[in-house]
Amino acid sequence: MHTDHSPEAYNVLMYSHDTYGLGHIRRTMAIADHLRDASTNILILTGSPIAGRFHFPDQVDFVRIPGVIKKTNDEYHALSIRIDPEKALTIRTNIILATARAFEPHLVIVDKEPLGLKKEMLPTLQWLKKERPETRMVLGLRDILDEAAVVCQDWQEKNIYTHLEQLYDEIWVYGNQAIYDPIAMYRIPELIQSRIHFTGYIPRQRFSDETRKKISKRVRKRHRVHPEEKFVLVTTGGGGDGSEVIDHFLTMFDTYPDTLEFRALIVTGPFMAKPVRDLLKRRAKKHAIEILPFHPHLEELMVAADLVISMGGYNTICEILTQQTPALIIPREVPRLEQLIRARQLHREGLLDYIPWNEVTSSLLRERILARLSDGKSFRKNMAGFKLSGLDTMLRRLDQFKLGLRGEKRQN
């Protein structure tokens, strides 16, 4: 990518640690695509092993740092190369700092982890604070991180509250305060509260009514779904921990083979282990259910679907709300309660249905699917009235940063 250092160029550096799954890189890509313009360069630091599968538009590029995978809350291993974890972390830390020094960002957006993975962003944040004090530093948080007590204890032990005060100019929460308020839940000190901006949820690609009809017709034809048939999409995000949801779905077909009159498509996610995926494919084949490991345009599948069954990660929920497709969520409860809390809160708003992880049975799953297929209008109506303001709010903040920078240059 050509970086223009003329006064018109504004450089944004985005950090996405991406230890596993698709969530962080998908959210980062959505933000980058919206904030970019002819005078704004965006460079993404990512450890995602599949970053290269995404289309990077003009003015957006990425630097791939060595991937790591989370074993426990505090233990990480190198993903692809056989190297000591501490050495992998040192390489990542050095690449991040070198990139920031060369790129000279006007704005840094850190995704979720205030100090980065194992504090790998801390040297860069401290260097920028000292050497480039004009650089704005923003922490971006999804709507819900985890159970409040767990987050508070973790932040206290890692001294996060102090670092938030010393390092970050703003904190962007990608959610609605009325639905979930991290200021209260995570005991954010009063001194930091004024820096928090609730952006609202982040929309994905939107389509006109005419385009939606064309997409639905094309997708249904490709996957052999007749126009009059109901179509159910099952997706488990990255797929590393989604096999149990798919197992429940297929067990339901095994139990009720003659009373499920709808077509289904399963997208496992690229991180599901191949032996597990192969086993599920063999089971699905008995019921003429197609299974894909990955689909680059999940939003198009959602447009065509009458119901989405998923685990309820942040990005999948945003896609569901954008496409206004009724959803049945089976939220993961390990290693954190984020998905369950999100499902409960959005269910109260009438935006989706959910079944707790430990309550799923074939009979209950069948009952809920058939109910949602027959009464999806109320969910669609509620989603149509739900504003997804995340990207527009962030763009307004970026415009304010640019105005401030121009004002500082005039004064100097």
Protein backbone atom coordinates (compact mmCIF):
# COMPACT_ATOMS: atom_id res chain seq x y z
CA MET A 1 0.00 0.00 0.00
CA HIS A 2 1.29 3.48 -0.87
CA THR A 3 1.19 5.69 2.19
CA ASP A 4 0.85 9.35 1.32
CA HIS A 5 2.37 11.63 3.96
CA SER A 6 0.97 14.83 2.43
CA PRO A 7 -1.15 16.97 4.79
CA GLU A 8 -4.31 15.47 3.29
CA ALA A 9 -3.41 11.89 4.28
CA TYR A 10 -4.75 10.60 7.58
CA ASN A 11 -3.30 7.30 8.82
CA VAL A 12 -5.32 4.90 10.96
CA LEU A 13 -3.62 1.90 12.56
CA MET A 14 -5.95 -0.86 13.76
CA TYR A 15 -4.88 -3.71 16.04
CA SER A 16 -6.75 -7.03 16.07
CA HIS A 17 -5.00 -9.76 18.04
CA ASP A 18 -7.05 -12.63 16.53
CA THR A 19 -6.00 -15.58 18.63
CA TYR A 20 -8.81 -17.69 17.23
CA GLY A 21 -12.04 -17.45 15.30
CA LEU A 22 -13.34 -14.83 12.90
CA GLY A 23 -14.87 -12.29 15.25
CA HIS A 24 -12.09 -9.74 15.67
CA ILE A 25 -10.95 -9.60 12.04
CA ARG A 26 -14.51 -9.41 10.71
CA ARG A 27 -15.36 -6.52 13.04
CA THR A 28 -12.10 -4.76 12.21
CA MET A 29 -12.68 -5.18 8.46
CA ALA A 30 -16.21 -3.77 8.71
CA ILE A 31 -14.93 -0.70 10.55
CA ALA A 32 -11.99 -0.20 8.18
CA ASP A 33 -14.19 -0.43 5.10
CA HIS A 34 -16.47 2.31 6.43
CA LEU A 35 -13.80 4.69 7.71
CA ARG A 36 -11.59 4.58 4.62
CA ASP A 37 -11.70 7.27 1.94
CA ALA A 38 -9.36 8.78 -0.62
CA SER A 39 -7.46 10.68 2.08
CA THR A 40 -7.58 8.05 4.83
CA ASN A 41 -5.16 5.11 4.91
CA ILE A 42 -6.00 2.18 7.17
CA LEU A 43 -3.43 -0.44 8.13
CA ILE A 44 -4.56 -3.47 10.13
CA LEU A 45 -2.25 -5.41 12.43
CA THR A 46 -3.69 -8.91 12.69
CA GLY A 47 -2.74 -12.40 13.76
CA SER A 48 -5.63 -13.97 11.85
CA PRO A 49 -4.45 -16.94 9.75
CA ILE A 50 -7.20 -16.29 7.21
CA ALA A 51 -6.82 -12.53 6.80
CA GLY A 52 -5.75 -13.11 3.20
CA ARG A 53 -9.13 -14.66 2.35
CA PHE A 54 -10.88 -11.33 2.77
CA HIS A 55 -11.11 -8.68 0.07
CA PHE A 56 -9.18 -5.60 1.08
CA PRO A 57 -10.53 -2.45 -0.61
CA ASP A 58 -8.52 0.58 -1.70
CA GLN A 59 -6.80 2.46 1.13
CA VAL A 60 -6.89 -0.63 3.39
CA ASP A 61 -4.08 -3.14 3.89
CA PHE A 62 -2.82 -5.44 6.62
CA VAL A 63 0.37 -6.56 8.36
CA ARG A 64 0.25 -10.20 9.40
CA ILE A 65 1.87 -10.91 12.76
CA PRO A 66 2.62 -14.56 13.68
CA GLY A 67 -0.56 -16.31 14.75
CA VAL A 68 -1.09 -17.68 18.23
CA ILE A 69 -3.85 -19.83 19.67
CA LYS A 70 -5.37 -19.56 23.13
CA LYS A 71 -4.99 -22.69 25.27
CA THR A 72 -6.18 -21.20 28.58
CA ASN A 73 -6.93 -17.66 29.74
CA ASP A 74 -3.22 -17.05 30.25
CA GLU A 75 -1.55 -19.61 27.99
CA TYR A 76 -0.95 -19.16 24.26
CA HIS A 77 0.91 -21.28 21.70
CA ALA A 78 2.25 -20.34 18.28
CA LEU A 79 -0.34 -21.32 15.66
CA SER A 80 1.73 -22.35 12.63
CA ILE A 81 5.43 -22.29 13.47
CA ARG A 82 7.17 -24.44 16.09
CA ILE A 83 8.57 -21.76 18.34
CA ASP A 84 8.61 -20.96 22.03
CA PRO A 85 5.51 -18.90 22.94
CA GLU A 86 7.63 -16.15 24.49
CA LYS A 87 9.67 -15.84 21.28
CA ALA A 88 6.48 -15.67 19.22
CA LEU A 89 5.22 -12.90 21.50
CA THR A 90 8.52 -11.03 21.19
CA ILE A 91 8.31 -11.18 17.40
CA ARG A 92 4.72 -9.93 17.47
CA THR A 93 5.59 -7.09 19.86
CA ASN A 94 8.55 -5.95 17.73
CA ILE A 95 6.55 -6.04 14.49
CA ILE A 96 3.77 -3.98 16.05
CA LEU A 97 6.17 -1.31 17.33
CA ALA A 98 8.16 -1.18 14.07
CA THR A 99 4.94 -0.82 12.07
CA ALA A 100 3.71 2.05 14.23
CA ARG A 101 7.03 3.86 13.94
CA ALA A 102 7.10 3.55 10.16
CA PHE A 103 3.40 4.19 9.54
CA GLU A 104 3.17 7.22 11.85
CA PRO A 105 -0.53 6.88 12.62
CA HIS A 106 -2.78 9.79 13.47
CA LEU A 107 -5.27 7.40 15.06
CA VAL A 108 -4.82 3.98 16.69
CA ILE A 109 -7.84 1.73 17.30
CA VAL A 110 -7.19 -1.27 19.57
CA ASP A 111 -9.78 -4.05 19.45
CA LYS A 112 -11.02 -5.48 22.77
CA GLU A 113 -7.72 -6.06 24.63
CA PRO A 114 -6.59 -2.72 26.16
CA LEU A 115 -2.94 -3.78 26.30
CA GLY A 116 -3.05 -6.31 23.48
CA LEU A 117 -2.36 -10.02 23.81
CA LYS A 118 -0.09 -10.56 26.85
CA LYS A 119 0.59 -6.77 26.85
CA GLU A 120 2.12 -6.85 23.37
CA MET A 121 0.57 -3.45 22.47
CA LEU A 122 1.82 -1.72 25.61
CA PRO A 123 5.31 -0.75 24.29
CA THR A 124 3.73 0.72 21.16
CA LEU A 125 1.06 2.64 23.08
CA GLN A 126 3.70 4.03 25.45
CA TRP A 127 6.01 4.99 22.57
CA LEU A 128 3.20 6.79 20.76
CA LYS A 129 2.20 8.62 23.93
CA LYS A 130 5.76 9.87 24.37
CA GLU A 131 6.96 10.41 20.78
CA ARG A 132 3.68 11.18 18.98
CA PRO A 133 1.39 12.76 21.60
CA GLU A 134 -0.83 14.10 18.81
CA THR A 135 -1.83 10.53 17.92
CA ARG A 136 -5.31 9.69 19.16
CA MET A 137 -5.65 6.37 20.93
CA VAL A 138 -9.03 4.59 20.98
CA LEU A 139 -10.04 1.31 22.61
CA GLY A 140 -12.89 -0.45 20.83
CA LEU A 141 -15.02 -2.80 22.97
CA ARG A 142 -17.83 -5.06 21.83
CA ASP A 143 -21.15 -4.60 23.64
CA ILE A 144 -20.47 -7.30 26.26
CA LEU A 145 -17.11 -8.75 27.30
CA ASP A 146 -18.10 -11.31 29.95
CA GLU A 147 -19.86 -11.64 33.26
CA ALA A 148 -19.34 -8.35 35.12
CA ALA A 149 -17.57 -9.84 38.15
CA VAL A 150 -15.07 -11.65 35.92
CA VAL A 151 -14.23 -8.51 33.93
CA CYS A 152 -13.85 -6.37 37.05
CA GLN A 153 -11.52 -8.86 38.70
CA ASP A 154 -9.43 -9.27 35.53
CA TRP A 155 -9.10 -5.52 35.03
CA GLN A 156 -8.13 -4.97 38.64
CA GLU A 157 -5.48 -7.71 38.57
CA LYS A 158 -3.99 -6.37 35.31
CA ASN A 159 -4.23 -2.72 36.36
CA ILE A 160 -6.37 -2.02 33.30
CA TYR A 161 -8.27 0.90 34.87
CA THR A 162 -5.01 2.83 35.33
CA HIS A 163 -3.88 2.08 31.78
CA LEU A 164 -7.25 3.21 30.39
CA GLU A 165 -6.80 6.52 32.16
CA GLN A 166 -3.17 7.01 31.10
CA LEU A 167 -3.20 5.70 27.52
CA TYR A 168 -6.60 6.11 25.88
CA ASP A 169 -8.26 9.28 24.65
CA GLU A 170 -11.58 7.54 23.98
CA ILE A 171 -13.32 4.21 24.45
CA TRP A 172 -15.82 3.18 21.78
CA VAL A 173 -18.40 0.65 22.93
CA TYR A 174 -19.98 -1.11 19.95
CA GLY A 175 -23.38 -1.43 21.57
CA ASN A 176 -26.34 0.40 23.13
CA GLN A 177 -26.07 1.58 26.71
CA ALA A 178 -29.79 0.96 27.25
CA ILE A 179 -29.33 -2.73 26.41
CA TYR A 180 -26.14 -3.31 28.41
CA ASP A 181 -24.21 -0.68 30.33
CA PRO A 182 -20.53 -1.56 30.87
CA ILE A 183 -19.97 1.73 32.74
CA ALA A 184 -22.08 0.37 35.58
CA MET A 185 -21.38 -3.33 35.11
CA TYR A 186 -17.59 -3.01 34.83
CA ARG A 187 -17.30 -0.26 37.46
CA ILE A 188 -15.67 2.26 35.13
CA PRO A 189 -14.13 5.06 37.24
CA GLU A 190 -15.79 8.46 36.93
CA LEU A 191 -12.62 10.00 35.50
CA ILE A 192 -12.83 7.67 32.47
CA GLN A 193 -16.59 7.73 31.95
CA SER A 194 -16.56 10.96 29.92
CA ARG A 195 -14.28 9.29 27.34
CA ILE A 196 -16.78 6.54 26.57
CA HIS A 197 -18.84 6.77 23.39
CA PHE A 198 -21.60 4.24 22.76
CA THR A 199 -21.55 3.84 19.01
CA GLY A 200 -24.46 1.42 18.71
CA TYR A 201 -24.18 -1.97 17.01
CA ILE A 202 -22.11 -2.25 13.84
CA PRO A 203 -24.15 -2.97 10.69
CA ARG A 204 -22.91 -5.15 7.87
CA GLN A 205 -23.55 -4.78 4.16
CA ARG A 206 -27.08 -3.61 3.45
CA PHE A 207 -29.04 -4.31 0.27
CA SER A 208 -31.99 -2.62 -1.39
CA ASP A 209 -35.27 -4.54 -1.55
CA GLU A 210 -34.73 -5.24 -5.23
CA THR A 211 -31.18 -6.50 -4.65
CA ARG A 212 -32.39 -8.68 -1.77
CA LYS A 213 -34.89 -10.37 -4.06
CA LYS A 214 -32.18 -11.07 -6.64
CA ILE A 215 -29.75 -12.38 -4.01
CA SER A 216 -32.40 -14.61 -2.45
CA LYS A 217 -33.38 -16.06 -5.81
CA ARG A 218 -29.75 -16.70 -6.79
CA VAL A 219 -28.74 -18.24 -3.43
CA ARG A 220 -31.80 -20.49 -3.26
CA LYS A 221 -31.24 -21.70 -6.80
CA ARG A 222 -27.56 -22.43 -6.10
CA HIS A 223 -28.42 -24.47 -3.01
CA ARG A 224 -31.47 -26.15 -4.56
CA VAL A 225 -34.07 -24.50 -2.36
CA HIS A 226 -37.45 -24.21 -4.07
CA PRO A 227 -39.15 -20.78 -3.89
CA GLU A 228 -41.97 -22.14 -1.71
CA GLU A 229 -39.65 -24.01 0.70
CA LYS A 230 -38.50 -22.69 4.06
CA PHE A 231 -34.74 -22.29 4.27
CA VAL A 232 -32.73 -22.62 7.51
CA LEU A 233 -29.10 -21.49 7.77
CA VAL A 234 -26.91 -22.93 10.55
CA THR A 235 -23.65 -21.10 11.14
CA THR A 236 -21.16 -21.35 14.01
CA GLY A 237 -18.79 -18.47 13.28
CA GLY A 238 -15.18 -19.63 13.15
CA GLY A 239 -16.31 -23.13 14.03
CA GLY A 240 -13.65 -24.06 16.55
CA ASP A 241 -16.29 -24.68 19.22
CA GLY A 242 -19.42 -25.03 17.11
CA SER A 243 -19.63 -28.78 16.52
CA GLU A 244 -22.04 -29.37 19.42
CA VAL A 245 -24.63 -26.99 17.96
CA ILE A 246 -24.45 -28.78 14.61
CA ASP A 247 -24.60 -32.13 16.37
CA HIS A 248 -27.86 -31.06 18.08
CA PHE A 249 -29.28 -29.95 14.74
CA LEU A 250 -28.44 -33.22 12.98
CA THR A 251 -29.65 -35.29 15.94
CA MET A 252 -32.98 -33.50 15.59
CA PHE A 253 -33.15 -34.69 11.97
CA ASP A 254 -32.23 -38.22 13.07
CA THR A 255 -35.05 -38.13 15.64
CA TYR A 256 -37.69 -36.48 13.45
CA PRO A 257 -36.73 -37.44 9.88
CA ASP A 258 -40.21 -37.05 8.39
CA THR A 259 -41.58 -33.92 10.09
CA LEU A 260 -38.97 -31.28 9.22
CA GLU A 261 -40.17 -29.89 5.94
CA PHE A 262 -37.51 -27.29 5.26
CA ARG A 263 -34.16 -27.12 3.51
CA ALA A 264 -31.00 -26.53 5.53
CA LEU A 265 -27.47 -25.33 4.85
CA ILE A 266 -24.70 -25.59 7.45
CA VAL A 267 -21.56 -23.40 7.44
CA THR A 268 -19.20 -24.92 9.99
CA GLY A 269 -16.52 -22.21 9.97
CA PRO A 270 -12.91 -22.69 8.79
CA PHE A 271 -11.49 -23.52 12.23
CA MET A 272 -13.53 -26.64 12.86
CA ALA A 273 -11.23 -29.66 12.92
CA LYS A 274 -11.40 -31.52 9.60
CA PRO A 275 -12.13 -34.95 11.12
CA VAL A 276 -15.06 -33.44 13.02
CA ARG A 277 -16.34 -31.65 9.94
CA ASP A 278 -16.03 -34.80 7.83
CA LEU A 279 -18.05 -36.77 10.38
CA LEU A 280 -20.77 -34.12 10.41
CA LYS A 281 -20.84 -34.10 6.60
CA ARG A 282 -21.44 -37.83 6.51
CA ARG A 283 -24.30 -37.46 8.97
CA ALA A 284 -25.78 -34.50 7.08
CA LYS A 285 -25.65 -36.31 3.75
CA LYS A 286 -28.28 -38.79 4.98
CA HIS A 287 -30.72 -35.87 5.22
CA ALA A 288 -29.60 -34.11 2.02
CA ILE A 289 -28.15 -31.25 4.06
CA GLU A 290 -25.25 -29.37 2.50
CA ILE A 291 -22.26 -28.47 4.68
CA LEU A 292 -19.66 -25.82 3.78
CA PRO A 293 -16.52 -25.03 5.78
CA PHE A 294 -16.56 -21.31 4.89
CA HIS A 295 -18.61 -18.83 2.90
CA PRO A 296 -17.15 -15.39 2.02
CA HIS A 297 -20.59 -13.77 1.75
CA LEU A 298 -22.51 -15.01 4.77
CA GLU A 299 -24.77 -11.97 4.58
CA GLU A 300 -26.15 -13.22 1.26
CA LEU A 301 -27.04 -16.57 2.81
CA MET A 302 -28.85 -14.71 5.59
CA VAL A 303 -30.81 -12.66 3.07
CA ALA A 304 -32.08 -15.88 1.48
CA ALA A 305 -32.77 -17.69 4.77
CA ASP A 306 -36.05 -17.75 6.68
CA LEU A 307 -34.23 -18.56 9.93
CA VAL A 308 -30.64 -18.44 11.19
CA ILE A 309 -29.43 -20.80 13.91
CA SER A 310 -26.18 -19.67 15.51
CA MET A 311 -24.21 -19.38 18.74
CA GLY A 312 -24.63 -15.63 19.05
CA GLY A 313 -21.17 -14.09 18.73
CA TYR A 314 -21.11 -10.31 18.30
CA ASN A 315 -20.47 -10.28 14.55
CA THR A 316 -23.04 -12.91 13.68
CA ILE A 317 -25.65 -11.01 15.71
CA CYS A 318 -24.80 -7.80 13.85
CA GLU A 319 -25.21 -9.61 10.52
CA ILE A 320 -28.55 -11.04 11.64
CA LEU A 321 -29.80 -7.62 12.75
CA THR A 322 -28.61 -6.01 9.51
CA GLN A 323 -30.34 -8.55 7.26
CA GLN A 324 -33.36 -8.71 9.62
CA THR A 325 -33.54 -12.50 9.48
CA PRO A 326 -35.29 -14.24 12.41
CA ALA A 327 -32.76 -16.07 14.56
CA LEU A 328 -32.62 -18.86 17.10
CA ILE A 329 -29.48 -18.52 19.20
CA ILE A 330 -27.77 -21.29 21.18
CA PRO A 331 -25.22 -19.22 23.12
CA ARG A 332 -21.92 -20.65 24.25
CA GLU A 333 -21.32 -20.39 28.02
CA VAL A 334 -17.63 -21.44 28.15
CA PRO A 335 -15.05 -19.93 28.48
CA ARG A 336 -17.15 -16.79 29.02
CA LEU A 337 -20.82 -15.85 29.40
CA GLU A 338 -20.75 -13.05 26.82
CA GLN A 339 -22.98 -14.84 24.29
CA LEU A 340 -25.57 -15.88 26.87
CA ILE A 341 -25.81 -12.35 28.31
CA ARG A 342 -26.16 -10.89 24.80
CA ALA A 343 -28.86 -13.39 23.85
CA ARG A 344 -30.84 -12.64 27.02
CA GLN A 345 -30.65 -8.89 26.54
CA LEU A 346 -31.62 -8.94 22.85
CA HIS A 347 -34.38 -11.46 23.55
CA ARG A 348 -35.87 -8.96 25.99
CA GLU A 349 -35.91 -6.44 23.14
CA GLY A 350 -37.85 -8.90 20.98
CA LEU A 351 -35.01 -9.14 18.47
CA LEU A 352 -34.27 -12.89 18.62
CA ASP A 353 -35.07 -16.19 20.31
CA TYR A 354 -32.61 -18.34 22.23
CA ILE A 355 -32.21 -21.67 24.00
CA PRO A 356 -29.65 -21.94 26.83
CA TRP A 357 -26.77 -24.28 25.97
CA ASN A 358 -27.63 -26.93 28.59
CA GLU A 359 -31.34 -26.96 27.78
CA VAL A 360 -31.13 -27.99 24.12
CA THR A 361 -32.98 -31.19 23.21
CA SER A 362 -34.16 -32.49 19.84
CA SER A 363 -37.80 -31.91 20.74
CA LEU A 364 -37.26 -28.36 22.03
CA LEU A 365 -35.08 -27.45 19.07
CA ARG A 366 -37.70 -28.76 16.64
CA GLU A 367 -40.46 -26.90 18.47
CA ARG A 368 -38.60 -23.57 18.42
CA ILE A 369 -37.50 -23.88 14.78
CA LEU A 370 -41.02 -24.61 13.55
CA ALA A 371 -42.42 -21.80 15.70
CA ARG A 372 -39.92 -19.25 14.40
CA LEU A 373 -40.50 -20.33 10.80
CA SER A 374 -44.23 -19.75 11.22
CA ASP A 375 -44.13 -16.44 13.11
CA GLY A 376 -41.01 -14.63 11.91
CA LYS A 377 -42.86 -11.39 11.12
CA SER A 378 -42.75 -10.03 14.66
CA PHE A 379 -38.98 -10.47 14.83
CA ARG A 380 -38.49 -8.87 11.41
CA LYS A 381 -40.65 -5.91 12.48
CA ASN A 382 -38.65 -5.38 15.68
CA MET A 383 -35.34 -5.63 13.83
CA ALA A 384 -36.54 -3.16 11.19
CA GLY A 385 -37.07 -0.60 13.96
CA PHE A 386 -33.71 -1.26 15.61
CA LYS A 387 -31.08 1.30 14.62
CA LEU A 388 -27.57 0.05 13.86
CA SER A 389 -25.59 3.26 14.25
CA GLY A 390 -22.09 1.94 14.96
CA LEU A 391 -20.29 2.84 11.76
CA ASP A 392 -21.88 6.27 11.35
CA THR A 393 -21.00 7.21 14.94
CA MET A 394 -17.38 6.14 14.42
CA LEU A 395 -17.19 8.12 11.18
CA ARG A 396 -18.39 11.24 13.00
CA ARG A 397 -15.71 10.74 15.65
CA LEU A 398 -13.07 10.33 12.92
CA ASP A 399 -14.22 13.58 11.29
CA GLN A 400 -13.85 15.33 14.65
CA PHE A 401 -10.31 13.95 15.02
CA LYS A 402 -9.41 15.23 11.55
CA LEU A 403 -10.83 18.68 12.30
CA GLY A 404 -8.82 18.78 15.52
CA LEU A 405 -5.64 17.81 13.71
CA ARG A 406 -6.13 20.52 11.10
CA GLY A 407 -6.73 23.04 13.88
CA GLU A 408 -3.52 22.03 15.63
CA LYS A 409 -1.55 22.41 12.39
CA ARG A 410 -2.94 25.91 11.81
CA GLN A 411 -1.94 26.93 15.33
CA ASN A 412 1.58 25.58 14.78
